[in-house]
């Protein structure tokens, strides 16, 4: 009985939060982005000072050539971006195919549809821009079903709210620890459609056999190589997705083929290509990457054979 009451409570709170999000999304665009966005940015930057030290430290370490004034300006622009992402997220409650299409511009490779026809695909993206809108690829790929991995939020209520905001019958949002099983179960197709597997590949990776070292933003950095392993095992093409901001809530989706599914490559080469693409994206407009996440919280371990192999390359 107690467990049942708890579930009813959770469902009620999730429903109430979703209604609040929907009410927020009903506000005109100029109110959401012209009033709420700068207000939230001011609160986070001046009042709460959300992860101020983490943001400042990581920006300074990644861009040692920049002056204190330039770092301060980057930090300010990052808070503006963070506030915009909050508005974008709340606005998902009222998002439909028509609004997604209006806020998305696709920049695909010339032969994109021919390259992915009749096969699965890996798409590697990052915590850059408003990554939630990466799901909009389903608008351009009617013959594929999209599955994306996400890291569950500790609060079950917030986690269920986000899953509802992301809800789409053409997209499966799967917890990271279940992603591999889900992918393998539907590898040959789901509902007659091949899978496009979307992975945010710049997650904070702990030292393990599932990670590899790369030079990235003036740091020795660990990256998950699960996307590479799937691509090599099942001969799948791999695309890098860059989300380029056009306007508030509007993004250009730029897809770059980094592996065609048949090329002979050295170990970790596909992930290295992804890392280089991501680094160029961040250096061009640093304020759109997620600097408030502690990307390098795990210490470098020179005694690790994986690290030593990386340094010898």
C-alpha atoms as a PDB file:
ATOM      1  CA  UNK A   1       0.000   0.000   0.000  1.00  0.00           C
ATOM      2  CA  UNK A   2       2.801   2.383   0.926  1.00  0.00           C
ATOM      3  CA  UNK A   3       4.597   1.679  -2.348  1.00  0.00           C
ATOM      4  CA  UNK A   4       1.411   2.251  -4.323  1.00  0.00           C
ATOM      5  CA  UNK A   5       0.819   5.593  -2.610  1.00  0.00           C
ATOM      6  CA  UNK A   6       4.394   6.591  -3.383  1.00  0.00           C
ATOM      7  CA  UNK A   7       3.874   5.816  -7.086  1.00  0.00           C
ATOM      8  CA  UNK A   8       0.652   7.836  -7.109  1.00  0.00           C
ATOM      9  CA  UNK A   9       2.506  10.716  -5.454  1.00  0.00           C
ATOM     10  CA  UNK A  10       5.340  10.545  -7.992  1.00  0.00           C
ATOM     11  CA  UNK A  11       2.959  10.425 -10.941  1.00  0.00           C
ATOM     12  CA  UNK A  12       0.990  13.376  -9.578  1.00  0.00           C
ATOM     13  CA  UNK A  13       4.103  15.501  -9.086  1.00  0.00           C
ATOM     14  CA  UNK A  14       5.406  14.625 -12.570  1.00  0.00           C
ATOM     15  CA  UNK A  15       2.033  15.537 -14.092  1.00  0.00           C
ATOM     16  CA  UNK A  16       1.959  18.845 -12.187  1.00  0.00           C
ATOM     17  CA  UNK A  17       5.501  19.733 -13.268  1.00  0.00           C
ATOM     18  CA  UNK A  18       4.670  18.871 -16.853  1.00  0.00           C
ATOM     19  CA  UNK A  19       1.610  21.137 -16.728  1.00  0.00           C
ATOM     20  CA  UNK A  20       3.798  23.958 -15.397  1.00  0.00           C
ATOM     21  CA  UNK A  21       6.262  23.369 -18.239  1.00  0.00           C
ATOM     22  CA  UNK A  22       3.405  23.426 -20.744  1.00  0.00           C
ATOM     23  CA  UNK A  23       2.076  26.679 -19.275  1.00  0.00           C
ATOM     24  CA  UNK A  24       5.553  28.172 -19.562  1.00  0.00           C
ATOM     25  CA  UNK A  25       5.799  27.016 -23.181  1.00  0.00           C
ATOM     26  CA  UNK A  26       2.520  28.835 -23.941  1.00  0.00           C
ATOM     27  CA  UNK A  27       4.231  32.178 -23.355  1.00  0.00           C
ATOM     28  CA  UNK A  28       5.129  34.072 -26.534  1.00  0.00           C
ATOM     29  CA  UNK A  29       8.660  33.544 -27.786  1.00  0.00           C
ATOM     30  CA  UNK A  30       9.749  37.129 -27.044  1.00  0.00           C
ATOM     31  CA  UNK A  31       8.684  36.681 -23.397  1.00  0.00           C
ATOM     32  CA  UNK A  32      10.476  33.350 -22.961  1.00  0.00           C
ATOM     33  CA  UNK A  33      13.734  34.448 -24.562  1.00  0.00           C
ATOM     34  CA  UNK A  34      13.547  38.205 -24.083  1.00  0.00           C
ATOM     35  CA  UNK A  35      12.507  38.280 -20.409  1.00  0.00           C
ATOM     36  CA  UNK A  36      12.873  34.901 -18.697  1.00  0.00           C
ATOM     37  CA  UNK A  37      16.215  34.013 -20.286  1.00  0.00           C
ATOM     38  CA  UNK A  38      18.173  37.122 -19.136  1.00  0.00           C
ATOM     39  CA  UNK A  39      16.486  36.937 -15.730  1.00  0.00           C
ATOM     40  CA  UNK A  40      17.580  33.299 -15.213  1.00  0.00           C
ATOM     41  CA  UNK A  41      21.087  34.118 -16.479  1.00  0.00           C
ATOM     42  CA  UNK A  42      21.368  36.989 -13.994  1.00  0.00           C
ATOM     43  CA  UNK A  43      20.218  34.791 -11.099  1.00  0.00           C
ATOM     44  CA  UNK A  44      22.690  32.023 -11.945  1.00  0.00           C
ATOM     45  CA  UNK A  45      25.622  34.357 -12.587  1.00  0.00           C
ATOM     46  CA  UNK A  46      25.140  37.077  -9.967  1.00  0.00           C
ATOM     47  CA  UNK A  47      23.003  35.571  -7.195  1.00  0.00           C
ATOM     48  CA  UNK A  48      23.507  31.804  -7.086  1.00  0.00           C
ATOM     49  CA  UNK A  49      26.903  31.904  -8.859  1.00  0.00           C
ATOM     50  CA  UNK A  50      26.167  28.411 -10.138  1.00  0.00           C
ATOM     51  CA  UNK A  51      29.408  26.381 -10.278  1.00  0.00           C
ATOM     52  CA  UNK A  52      31.285  29.632 -10.740  1.00  0.00           C
ATOM     53  CA  UNK A  53      34.668  28.214  -9.679  1.00  0.00           C
ATOM     54  CA  UNK A  54      34.331  25.078 -11.835  1.00  0.00           C
ATOM     55  CA  UNK A  55      33.445  27.105 -14.924  1.00  0.00           C
ATOM     56  CA  UNK A  56      36.239  29.625 -14.378  1.00  0.00           C
ATOM     57  CA  UNK A  57      38.889  26.991 -13.691  1.00  0.00           C
ATOM     58  CA  UNK A  58      38.040  24.846 -16.706  1.00  0.00           C
ATOM     59  CA  UNK A  59      37.878  27.802 -19.087  1.00  0.00           C
ATOM     60  CA  UNK A  60      41.243  29.076 -17.825  1.00  0.00           C
ATOM     61  CA  UNK A  61      42.911  25.669 -18.126  1.00  0.00           C
ATOM     62  CA  UNK A  62      41.546  24.991 -21.606  1.00  0.00           C
ATOM     63  CA  UNK A  63      42.385  28.465 -22.944  1.00  0.00           C
ATOM     64  CA  UNK A  64      45.587  29.530 -21.121  1.00  0.00           C
ATOM     65  CA  UNK A  65      46.302  32.071 -23.858  1.00  0.00           C
ATOM     66  CA  UNK A  66      43.206  34.111 -22.959  1.00  0.00           C
ATOM     67  CA  UNK A  67      43.356  37.012 -20.506  1.00  0.00           C
ATOM     68  CA  UNK A  68      41.257  37.230 -17.322  1.00  0.00           C
ATOM     69  CA  UNK A  69      38.960  39.676 -19.096  1.00  0.00           C
ATOM     70  CA  UNK A  70      38.424  37.278 -22.006  1.00  0.00           C
ATOM     71  CA  UNK A  71      37.701  34.397 -19.615  1.00  0.00           C
ATOM     72  CA  UNK A  72      35.207  36.596 -17.757  1.00  0.00           C
ATOM     73  CA  UNK A  73      33.441  37.422 -21.032  1.00  0.00           C
ATOM     74  CA  UNK A  74      33.333  33.724 -22.008  1.00  0.00           C
ATOM     75  CA  UNK A  75      31.915  32.883 -18.578  1.00  0.00           C
ATOM     76  CA  UNK A  76      29.188  35.510 -18.982  1.00  0.00           C
ATOM     77  CA  UNK A  77      28.244  34.179 -22.418  1.00  0.00           C
ATOM     78  CA  UNK A  78      28.173  30.654 -21.014  1.00  0.00           C
ATOM     79  CA  UNK A  79      25.650  31.664 -18.337  1.00  0.00           C
ATOM     80  CA  UNK A  80      23.518  33.221 -21.083  1.00  0.00           C
ATOM     81  CA  UNK A  81      23.681  29.929 -22.996  1.00  0.00           C
ATOM     82  CA  UNK A  82      22.828  27.917 -19.879  1.00  0.00           C
ATOM     83  CA  UNK A  83      19.760  30.082 -19.269  1.00  0.00           C
ATOM     84  CA  UNK A  84      18.706  29.635 -22.881  1.00  0.00           C
ATOM     85  CA  UNK A  85      18.990  25.856 -22.507  1.00  0.00           C
ATOM     86  CA  UNK A  86      16.663  25.973 -19.504  1.00  0.00           C
ATOM     87  CA  UNK A  87      14.094  27.897 -21.557  1.00  0.00           C
ATOM     88  CA  UNK A  88      14.569  25.452 -24.460  1.00  0.00           C
ATOM     89  CA  UNK A  89      14.033  22.474 -22.159  1.00  0.00           C
ATOM     90  CA  UNK A  90      10.831  23.832 -20.612  1.00  0.00           C
ATOM     91  CA  UNK A  91       9.561  24.685 -24.088  1.00  0.00           C
ATOM     92  CA  UNK A  92       9.755  21.002 -25.093  1.00  0.00           C
ATOM     93  CA  UNK A  93       6.397  20.463 -23.378  1.00  0.00           C
ATOM     94  CA  UNK A  94       4.632  22.111 -26.320  1.00  0.00           C
ATOM     95  CA  UNK A  95       6.950  20.869 -29.056  1.00  0.00           C
ATOM     96  CA  UNK A  96       5.453  19.032 -32.037  1.00  0.00           C
ATOM     97  CA  UNK A  97       6.698  18.056 -35.481  1.00  0.00           C
ATOM     98  CA  UNK A  98       5.776  21.429 -36.993  1.00  0.00           C
ATOM     99  CA  UNK A  99       7.601  23.436 -34.305  1.00  0.00           C
ATOM    100  CA  UNK A 100      10.610  21.085 -34.410  1.00  0.00           C
ATOM    101  CA  UNK A 101      10.849  21.545 -38.159  1.00  0.00           C
ATOM    102  CA  UNK A 102      10.620  25.331 -37.844  1.00  0.00           C
ATOM    103  CA  UNK A 103      13.456  25.424 -35.296  1.00  0.00           C
ATOM    104  CA  UNK A 104      15.778  23.054 -37.174  1.00  0.00           C
ATOM    105  CA  UNK A 105      17.943  23.445 -40.248  1.00  0.00           C
ATOM    106  CA  UNK A 106      19.602  20.258 -41.494  1.00  0.00           C
ATOM    107  CA  UNK A 107      23.007  20.389 -43.138  1.00  0.00           C
ATOM    108  CA  UNK A 108      23.536  16.828 -44.378  1.00  0.00           C
ATOM    109  CA  UNK A 109      26.320  15.334 -46.460  1.00  0.00           C
ATOM    110  CA  UNK A 110      25.560  15.242 -50.181  1.00  0.00           C
ATOM    111  CA  UNK A 111      24.813  11.505 -50.250  1.00  0.00           C
ATOM    112  CA  UNK A 112      23.532  11.181 -46.684  1.00  0.00           C
ATOM    113  CA  UNK A 113      20.319   9.295 -47.490  1.00  0.00           C
ATOM    114  CA  UNK A 114      22.098   6.908 -49.857  1.00  0.00           C
ATOM    115  CA  UNK A 115      24.854   6.305 -47.283  1.00  0.00           C
ATOM    116  CA  UNK A 116      22.419   5.272 -44.535  1.00  0.00           C
ATOM    117  CA  UNK A 117      19.879   3.402 -46.673  1.00  0.00           C
ATOM    118  CA  UNK A 118      19.228  -0.160 -45.492  1.00  0.00           C
ATOM    119  CA  UNK A 119      21.679  -0.106 -42.587  1.00  0.00           C
ATOM    120  CA  UNK A 120      22.153   1.024 -39.019  1.00  0.00           C
ATOM    121  CA  UNK A 121      23.985   4.254 -38.216  1.00  0.00           C
ATOM    122  CA  UNK A 122      26.009   5.682 -35.310  1.00  0.00           C
ATOM    123  CA  UNK A 123      25.753   9.411 -34.559  1.00  0.00           C
ATOM    124  CA  UNK A 124      28.231  10.890 -32.067  1.00  0.00           C
ATOM    125  CA  UNK A 125      27.430  14.265 -30.550  1.00  0.00           C
ATOM    126  CA  UNK A 126      28.267  16.126 -27.343  1.00  0.00           C
ATOM    127  CA  UNK A 127      27.089  18.470 -24.599  1.00  0.00           C
ATOM    128  CA  UNK A 128      27.282  21.330 -27.056  1.00  0.00           C
ATOM    129  CA  UNK A 129      24.412  23.630 -27.910  1.00  0.00           C
ATOM    130  CA  UNK A 130      20.967  22.324 -27.021  1.00  0.00           C
ATOM    131  CA  UNK A 131      21.687  18.629 -27.495  1.00  0.00           C
ATOM    132  CA  UNK A 132      18.077  17.636 -26.806  1.00  0.00           C
ATOM    133  CA  UNK A 133      17.166  18.875 -30.282  1.00  0.00           C
ATOM    134  CA  UNK A 134      19.498  16.259 -31.809  1.00  0.00           C
ATOM    135  CA  UNK A 135      16.442  13.960 -31.628  1.00  0.00           C
ATOM    136  CA  UNK A 136      14.948  16.003 -34.461  1.00  0.00           C
ATOM    137  CA  UNK A 137      16.868  13.852 -36.933  1.00  0.00           C
ATOM    138  CA  UNK A 138      13.775  11.633 -37.108  1.00  0.00           C
ATOM    139  CA  UNK A 139      12.198  14.372 -39.234  1.00  0.00           C
ATOM    140  CA  UNK A 140      14.712  13.607 -42.008  1.00  0.00           C
ATOM    141  CA  UNK A 141      14.972   9.825 -41.636  1.00  0.00           C
ATOM    142  CA  UNK A 142      11.513   8.247 -42.090  1.00  0.00           C
ATOM    143  CA  UNK A 143      13.056   4.824 -42.799  1.00  0.00           C
ATOM    144  CA  UNK A 144      14.987   4.691 -39.521  1.00  0.00           C
ATOM    145  CA  UNK A 145      14.124   4.466 -35.840  1.00  0.00           C
ATOM    146  CA  UNK A 146      16.246   6.537 -33.463  1.00  0.00           C
ATOM    147  CA  UNK A 147      17.568   5.249 -30.153  1.00  0.00           C
ATOM    148  CA  UNK A 148      19.551   7.506 -27.830  1.00  0.00           C
ATOM    149  CA  UNK A 149      21.395   6.748 -24.616  1.00  0.00           C
ATOM    150  CA  UNK A 150      21.004   8.995 -21.594  1.00  0.00           C
ATOM    151  CA  UNK A 151      22.268   9.001 -18.032  1.00  0.00           C
ATOM    152  CA  UNK A 152      19.286   8.707 -15.623  1.00  0.00           C
ATOM    153  CA  UNK A 153      18.829  11.565 -13.169  1.00  0.00           C
ATOM    154  CA  UNK A 154      19.045  10.592  -9.496  1.00  0.00           C
ATOM    155  CA  UNK A 155      15.651  12.110  -8.703  1.00  0.00           C
ATOM    156  CA  UNK A 156      13.041   9.729 -10.130  1.00  0.00           C
ATOM    157  CA  UNK A 157      10.531  12.554 -10.391  1.00  0.00           C
ATOM    158  CA  UNK A 158      12.839  14.752 -12.470  1.00  0.00           C
ATOM    159  CA  UNK A 159      13.944  11.739 -14.521  1.00  0.00           C
ATOM    160  CA  UNK A 160      10.328  10.848 -15.368  1.00  0.00           C
ATOM    161  CA  UNK A 161       9.605  14.482 -16.236  1.00  0.00           C
ATOM    162  CA  UNK A 162      12.510  14.598 -18.686  1.00  0.00           C
ATOM    163  CA  UNK A 163      11.433  11.323 -20.250  1.00  0.00           C
ATOM    164  CA  UNK A 164       7.963  12.771 -20.789  1.00  0.00           C
ATOM    165  CA  UNK A 165       9.396  15.955 -22.297  1.00  0.00           C
ATOM    166  CA  UNK A 166      11.451  13.835 -24.705  1.00  0.00           C
ATOM    167  CA  UNK A 167       8.560  11.520 -25.550  1.00  0.00           C
ATOM    168  CA  UNK A 168       8.308  10.668 -29.236  1.00  0.00           C
ATOM    169  CA  UNK A 169       7.044   7.512 -30.952  1.00  0.00           C
ATOM    170  CA  UNK A 170       9.965   7.629 -33.408  1.00  0.00           C
ATOM    171  CA  UNK A 171      12.614   7.881 -30.698  1.00  0.00           C
ATOM    172  CA  UNK A 172      13.607   5.493 -27.899  1.00  0.00           C
ATOM    173  CA  UNK A 173      15.348   7.184 -24.970  1.00  0.00           C
ATOM    174  CA  UNK A 174      17.206   4.398 -23.159  1.00  0.00           C
ATOM    175  CA  UNK A 175      19.251   4.517 -19.915  1.00  0.00           C
ATOM    176  CA  UNK A 176      22.965   4.130 -20.647  1.00  0.00           C
ATOM    177  CA  UNK A 177      23.280   0.826 -18.803  1.00  0.00           C
ATOM    178  CA  UNK A 178      20.502  -0.681 -20.947  1.00  0.00           C
ATOM    179  CA  UNK A 179      21.576   0.846 -24.254  1.00  0.00           C
ATOM    180  CA  UNK A 180      23.789  -1.993 -25.504  1.00  0.00           C
ATOM    181  CA  UNK A 181      21.120  -4.636 -24.851  1.00  0.00           C
ATOM    182  CA  UNK A 182      18.475  -2.489 -26.535  1.00  0.00           C
ATOM    183  CA  UNK A 183      20.695  -1.880 -29.558  1.00  0.00           C
ATOM    184  CA  UNK A 184      21.610  -5.533 -29.987  1.00  0.00           C
ATOM    185  CA  UNK A 185      17.991  -6.645 -29.578  1.00  0.00           C
ATOM    186  CA  UNK A 186      16.874  -4.344 -32.401  1.00  0.00           C
ATOM    187  CA  UNK A 187      20.092  -4.263 -34.414  1.00  0.00           C
ATOM    188  CA  UNK A 188      18.439  -5.708 -37.522  1.00  0.00           C
ATOM    189  CA  UNK A 189      15.512  -3.338 -37.247  1.00  0.00           C
ATOM    190  CA  UNK A 190      12.549  -2.210 -35.156  1.00  0.00           C
ATOM    191  CA  UNK A 191       9.088  -1.973 -36.692  1.00  0.00           C
ATOM    192  CA  UNK A 192      10.760  -2.588 -40.045  1.00  0.00           C
ATOM    193  CA  UNK A 193      13.178   0.330 -39.599  1.00  0.00           C
ATOM    194  CA  UNK A 194      16.947   0.220 -39.023  1.00  0.00           C
ATOM    195  CA  UNK A 195      18.343   1.980 -35.967  1.00  0.00           C
ATOM    196  CA  UNK A 196      20.179   5.271 -35.753  1.00  0.00           C
ATOM    197  CA  UNK A 197      22.062   5.132 -32.458  1.00  0.00           C
ATOM    198  CA  UNK A 198      22.728   8.556 -30.931  1.00  0.00           C
ATOM    199  CA  UNK A 199      25.488   8.801 -28.337  1.00  0.00           C
ATOM    200  CA  UNK A 200      26.656  11.826 -26.379  1.00  0.00           C
ATOM    201  CA  UNK A 201      30.297  10.815 -26.453  1.00  0.00           C
ATOM    202  CA  UNK A 202      31.904  13.520 -24.294  1.00  0.00           C
ATOM    203  CA  UNK A 203      30.538  12.179 -20.997  1.00  0.00           C
ATOM    204  CA  UNK A 204      32.892  12.331 -18.015  1.00  0.00           C
ATOM    205  CA  UNK A 205      34.535   8.938 -18.416  1.00  0.00           C
ATOM    206  CA  UNK A 206      36.146   7.163 -15.426  1.00  0.00           C
ATOM    207  CA  UNK A 207      39.370   5.204 -16.058  1.00  0.00           C
ATOM    208  CA  UNK A 208      38.250   1.807 -17.358  1.00  0.00           C
ATOM    209  CA  UNK A 209      38.596  -0.579 -20.266  1.00  0.00           C
ATOM    210  CA  UNK A 210      35.623   1.130 -21.910  1.00  0.00           C
ATOM    211  CA  UNK A 211      37.548   4.384 -22.309  1.00  0.00           C
ATOM    212  CA  UNK A 212      40.556   5.627 -24.239  1.00  0.00           C
ATOM    213  CA  UNK A 213      42.912   8.585 -23.804  1.00  0.00           C
ATOM    214  CA  UNK A 214      43.041  11.520 -26.198  1.00  0.00           C
ATOM    215  CA  UNK A 215      44.589  14.967 -26.184  1.00  0.00           C
ATOM    216  CA  UNK A 216      41.684  17.405 -25.854  1.00  0.00           C
ATOM    217  CA  UNK A 217      41.486  21.094 -24.937  1.00  0.00           C
ATOM    218  CA  UNK A 218      44.928  21.225 -23.360  1.00  0.00           C
ATOM    219  CA  UNK A 219      44.260  18.089 -21.260  1.00  0.00           C
ATOM    220  CA  UNK A 220      44.864  14.364 -21.389  1.00  0.00           C
ATOM    221  CA  UNK A 221      41.226  13.260 -21.536  1.00  0.00           C
ATOM    222  CA  UNK A 222      39.305  10.001 -21.345  1.00  0.00           C
ATOM    223  CA  UNK A 223      36.540   9.292 -23.865  1.00  0.00           C
ATOM    224  CA  UNK A 224      34.100   6.419 -24.119  1.00  0.00           C
ATOM    225  CA  UNK A 225      34.737   4.363 -27.259  1.00  0.00           C
ATOM    226  CA  UNK A 226      31.472   2.384 -27.294  1.00  0.00           C
ATOM    227  CA  UNK A 227      30.361   4.040 -30.535  1.00  0.00           C
ATOM    228  CA  UNK A 228      33.602   3.022 -32.227  1.00  0.00           C
ATOM    229  CA  UNK A 229      33.322  -0.562 -31.007  1.00  0.00           C
ATOM    230  CA  UNK A 230      29.763  -0.887 -32.350  1.00  0.00           C
ATOM    231  CA  UNK A 231      30.764   0.647 -35.677  1.00  0.00           C
ATOM    232  CA  UNK A 232      33.715  -1.711 -36.140  1.00  0.00           C
ATOM    233  CA  UNK A 233      31.870  -4.846 -35.042  1.00  0.00           C
ATOM    234  CA  UNK A 234      28.787  -4.290 -37.205  1.00  0.00           C
ATOM    235  CA  UNK A 235      30.340  -2.192 -40.018  1.00  0.00           C
ATOM    236  CA  UNK A 236      28.217   0.877 -39.353  1.00  0.00           C
ATOM    237  CA  UNK A 237      28.902   4.397 -40.645  1.00  0.00           C
ATOM    238  CA  UNK A 238      29.651   7.020 -37.986  1.00  0.00           C
ATOM    239  CA  UNK A 239      28.635  10.668 -38.194  1.00  0.00           C
ATOM    240  CA  UNK A 240      29.711  13.592 -36.067  1.00  0.00           C
ATOM    241  CA  UNK A 241      26.828  15.931 -35.259  1.00  0.00           C
ATOM    242  CA  UNK A 242      27.577  19.595 -34.605  1.00  0.00           C
ATOM    243  CA  UNK A 243      24.739  21.776 -33.369  1.00  0.00           C
ATOM    244  CA  UNK A 244      25.292  25.322 -34.563  1.00  0.00           C
ATOM    245  CA  UNK A 245      23.078  27.955 -32.961  1.00  0.00           C
ATOM    246  CA  UNK A 246      21.213  30.093 -35.494  1.00  0.00           C
ATOM    247  CA  UNK A 247      18.930  31.948 -33.090  1.00  0.00           C
ATOM    248  CA  UNK A 248      17.421  31.393 -29.653  1.00  0.00           C
ATOM    249  CA  UNK A 249      15.985  27.867 -29.708  1.00  0.00           C
ATOM    250  CA  UNK A 250      16.993  27.318 -33.357  1.00  0.00           C
ATOM    251  CA  UNK A 251      19.909  25.143 -34.466  1.00  0.00           C
ATOM    252  CA  UNK A 252      21.620  24.059 -37.658  1.00  0.00           C
ATOM    253  CA  UNK A 253      22.374  20.325 -37.537  1.00  0.00           C
ATOM    254  CA  UNK A 254      25.651  19.679 -39.358  1.00  0.00           C
ATOM    255  CA  UNK A 255      26.472  16.014 -40.042  1.00  0.00           C
ATOM    256  CA  UNK A 256      30.001  14.973 -40.951  1.00  0.00           C
ATOM    257  CA  UNK A 257      30.877  11.417 -41.960  1.00  0.00           C
ATOM    258  CA  UNK A 258      33.937  10.307 -39.961  1.00  0.00           C
ATOM    259  CA  UNK A 259      33.797   6.579 -40.732  1.00  0.00           C
ATOM    260  CA  UNK A 260      32.095   4.825 -43.642  1.00  0.00           C
ATOM    261  CA  UNK A 261      31.729   1.392 -42.074  1.00  0.00           C
ATOM    262  CA  UNK A 262      34.304  -0.369 -44.271  1.00  0.00           C
ATOM    263  CA  UNK A 263      37.549   1.609 -43.989  1.00  0.00           C
ATOM    264  CA  UNK A 264      40.467  -0.098 -42.227  1.00  0.00           C
ATOM    265  CA  UNK A 265      41.343   2.075 -39.236  1.00  0.00           C
ATOM    266  CA  UNK A 266      43.795   1.903 -36.339  1.00  0.00           C
ATOM    267  CA  UNK A 267      42.475   1.311 -32.793  1.00  0.00           C
ATOM    268  CA  UNK A 268      40.762   4.418 -31.372  1.00  0.00           C
ATOM    269  CA  UNK A 269      41.029   6.219 -34.738  1.00  0.00           C
ATOM    270  CA  UNK A 270      37.269   6.776 -35.065  1.00  0.00           C
ATOM    271  CA  UNK A 271      37.059   8.232 -31.561  1.00  0.00           C
ATOM    272  CA  UNK A 272      40.123  10.385 -32.320  1.00  0.00           C
ATOM    273  CA  UNK A 273      38.365  11.825 -35.371  1.00  0.00           C
ATOM    274  CA  UNK A 274      35.335  12.604 -33.217  1.00  0.00           C
ATOM    275  CA  UNK A 275      37.538  14.296 -30.588  1.00  0.00           C
ATOM    276  CA  UNK A 276      39.231  16.478 -33.211  1.00  0.00           C
ATOM    277  CA  UNK A 277      35.863  17.519 -34.689  1.00  0.00           C
ATOM    278  CA  UNK A 278      34.505  18.346 -31.238  1.00  0.00           C
ATOM    279  CA  UNK A 279      37.604  20.335 -30.287  1.00  0.00           C
ATOM    280  CA  UNK A 280      37.328  22.470 -33.442  1.00  0.00           C
ATOM    281  CA  UNK A 281      33.650  23.095 -32.667  1.00  0.00           C
ATOM    282  CA  UNK A 282      34.371  24.183 -29.087  1.00  0.00           C
ATOM    283  CA  UNK A 283      37.340  26.396 -29.976  1.00  0.00           C
ATOM    284  CA  UNK A 284      35.198  28.207 -32.570  1.00  0.00           C
ATOM    285  CA  UNK A 285      32.459  29.081 -30.009  1.00  0.00           C
ATOM    286  CA  UNK A 286      33.449  27.936 -26.518  1.00  0.00           C
ATOM    287  CA  UNK A 287      30.434  29.349 -24.702  1.00  0.00           C
ATOM    288  CA  UNK A 288      28.104  26.668 -26.091  1.00  0.00           C
ATOM    289  CA  UNK A 289      29.843  23.697 -24.442  1.00  0.00           C
ATOM    290  CA  UNK A 290      28.815  22.455 -20.985  1.00  0.00           C
ATOM    291  CA  UNK A 291      31.538  24.042 -18.825  1.00  0.00           C
ATOM    292  CA  UNK A 292      29.653  23.565 -15.562  1.00  0.00           C
ATOM    293  CA  UNK A 293      30.189  19.787 -15.778  1.00  0.00           C
ATOM    294  CA  UNK A 294      33.461  18.715 -14.179  1.00  0.00           C
ATOM    295  CA  UNK A 295      34.965  17.139 -17.283  1.00  0.00           C
ATOM    296  CA  UNK A 296      38.337  16.289 -15.740  1.00  0.00           C
ATOM    297  CA  UNK A 297      37.401  15.227 -12.217  1.00  0.00           C
ATOM    298  CA  UNK A 298      39.203  11.882 -12.491  1.00  0.00           C
ATOM    299  CA  UNK A 299      42.988  12.263 -12.023  1.00  0.00           C
ATOM    300  CA  UNK A 300      45.426  11.205 -14.712  1.00  0.00           C
ATOM    301  CA  UNK A 301      46.986   7.865 -13.797  1.00  0.00           C
ATOM    302  CA  UNK A 302      50.384   7.539 -15.531  1.00  0.00           C
ATOM    303  CA  UNK A 303      50.776   4.036 -14.089  1.00  0.00           C
ATOM    304  CA  UNK A 304      47.796   2.842 -16.151  1.00  0.00           C
ATOM    305  CA  UNK A 305      48.780   0.718 -19.151  1.00  0.00           C
ATOM    306  CA  UNK A 306      46.014   2.447 -21.146  1.00  0.00           C
ATOM    307  CA  UNK A 307      47.582   5.838 -20.418  1.00  0.00           C
ATOM    308  CA  UNK A 308      51.062   4.571 -21.221  1.00  0.00           C
ATOM    309  CA  UNK A 309      49.896   3.146 -24.544  1.00  0.00           C
ATOM    310  CA  UNK A 310      48.343   6.523 -25.380  1.00  0.00           C
ATOM    311  CA  UNK A 311      51.533   8.449 -24.546  1.00  0.00           C
ATOM    312  CA  UNK A 312      53.614   6.108 -26.702  1.00  0.00           C
ATOM    313  CA  UNK A 313      51.537   6.793 -29.818  1.00  0.00           C
END
